[in-house]
Protein backbone atom coordinates (compact mmCIF):
# COMPACT_ATOMS: atom_id res chain seq x y z
CA MET A 1 67.46 162.27 123.89
CA LEU A 2 68.73 159.88 121.23
CA MET A 3 68.90 156.17 121.88
CA SER A 4 71.41 153.96 120.15
CA PRO A 5 70.12 150.68 118.68
CA ARG A 6 71.03 147.46 120.44
CA PRO A 7 73.53 145.23 118.63
CA ALA A 8 72.06 142.13 117.04
CA ALA A 9 72.48 138.97 119.11
CA SER A 10 73.86 135.84 117.51
CA ARG A 11 71.25 133.17 117.03
CA ARG A 12 71.77 129.63 118.20
CA TYR A 13 71.22 126.72 115.85
CA LEU A 14 68.27 124.44 116.53
CA PRO A 15 68.70 120.80 115.44
CA SER A 16 65.11 120.70 114.19
CA SER A 17 65.65 123.73 111.92
CA PRO A 18 65.11 123.18 108.19
CA PHE A 19 68.00 125.55 107.43
CA SER A 20 71.59 124.39 107.14
CA ALA A 21 73.75 124.14 110.25
CA PRO A 22 76.46 126.75 110.89
CA VAL A 23 79.93 125.79 109.73
CA ASP A 24 82.50 125.25 112.50
CA THR A 25 85.66 127.07 111.40
CA ARG A 26 87.85 126.32 114.44
CA PRO A 27 91.00 124.34 113.56
CA VAL A 28 91.19 120.79 114.90
CA ILE A 29 94.24 120.31 117.15
CA VAL A 30 95.77 116.84 116.89
CA TYR A 31 97.80 115.52 119.83
CA GLU A 32 100.41 112.77 119.54
CA ILE A 33 101.85 110.40 122.15
CA GLY A 34 104.95 111.83 123.84
CA GLU A 35 104.09 115.42 122.98
CA ARG A 36 104.63 118.05 125.69
CA VAL A 37 101.62 120.13 126.74
CA THR A 38 100.67 122.64 129.40
CA HIS A 39 97.40 122.87 131.31
CA ASP A 40 96.12 125.97 133.10
CA ARG A 41 95.47 124.08 136.36
CA HIS A 42 97.86 121.08 136.30
CA GLY A 43 100.95 122.65 134.65
CA LEU A 44 103.41 120.89 132.36
CA GLY A 45 102.74 117.36 131.16
CA ARG A 46 103.33 114.74 128.49
CA VAL A 47 100.65 112.98 126.41
CA LEU A 48 100.41 109.28 127.33
CA SER A 49 97.57 108.21 125.04
CA VAL A 50 95.10 109.64 122.56
CA GLU A 51 91.47 108.47 122.41
CA GLU A 52 90.62 109.25 118.76
CA THR A 53 89.65 112.95 118.83
CA SER A 54 87.55 112.93 122.00
CA ALA A 55 90.15 112.94 124.79
CA VAL A 56 93.83 112.61 125.73
CA VAL A 57 95.48 111.13 128.81
CA VAL A 58 98.26 113.38 130.07
CA GLU A 59 100.88 112.62 132.75
CA PHE A 60 101.29 115.65 135.00
CA LYS A 61 103.42 116.06 138.12
CA SER A 62 100.33 115.32 140.24
CA GLY A 63 99.45 112.18 138.22
CA ALA A 64 97.74 111.14 135.00
CA ARG A 65 94.60 113.03 133.99
CA ARG A 66 92.11 112.47 131.18
CA VAL A 67 91.36 115.74 129.36
CA ILE A 68 88.25 115.99 127.18
CA LEU A 69 88.84 117.67 123.81
CA PRO A 70 88.55 120.37 122.68
CA SER A 71 89.91 122.05 125.81
CA ALA A 72 90.76 125.73 126.05
CA GLN A 73 92.95 124.94 129.08
CA LEU A 74 95.27 122.52 127.24
CA THR A 75 98.01 123.97 125.01
CA LYS A 76 100.69 122.28 122.89
CA LEU A 77 104.30 123.32 123.49
């Protein structure tokens, strides 16, 4: 009976490690005031304000919501 080797697990970075930190290659999405967006839970909305790169305030049908960035649920239209 042959056993197949387990795939190697990705290692997490420890802040105290003497080795260099992994490079984040995800693109940074920039939102602008007035831009239309969609959210998985709240639906269609329009950006009211942008708090640097940490969050956006979006006006949805149900009211204004603050969305922390980056968010996989928020998509530009």
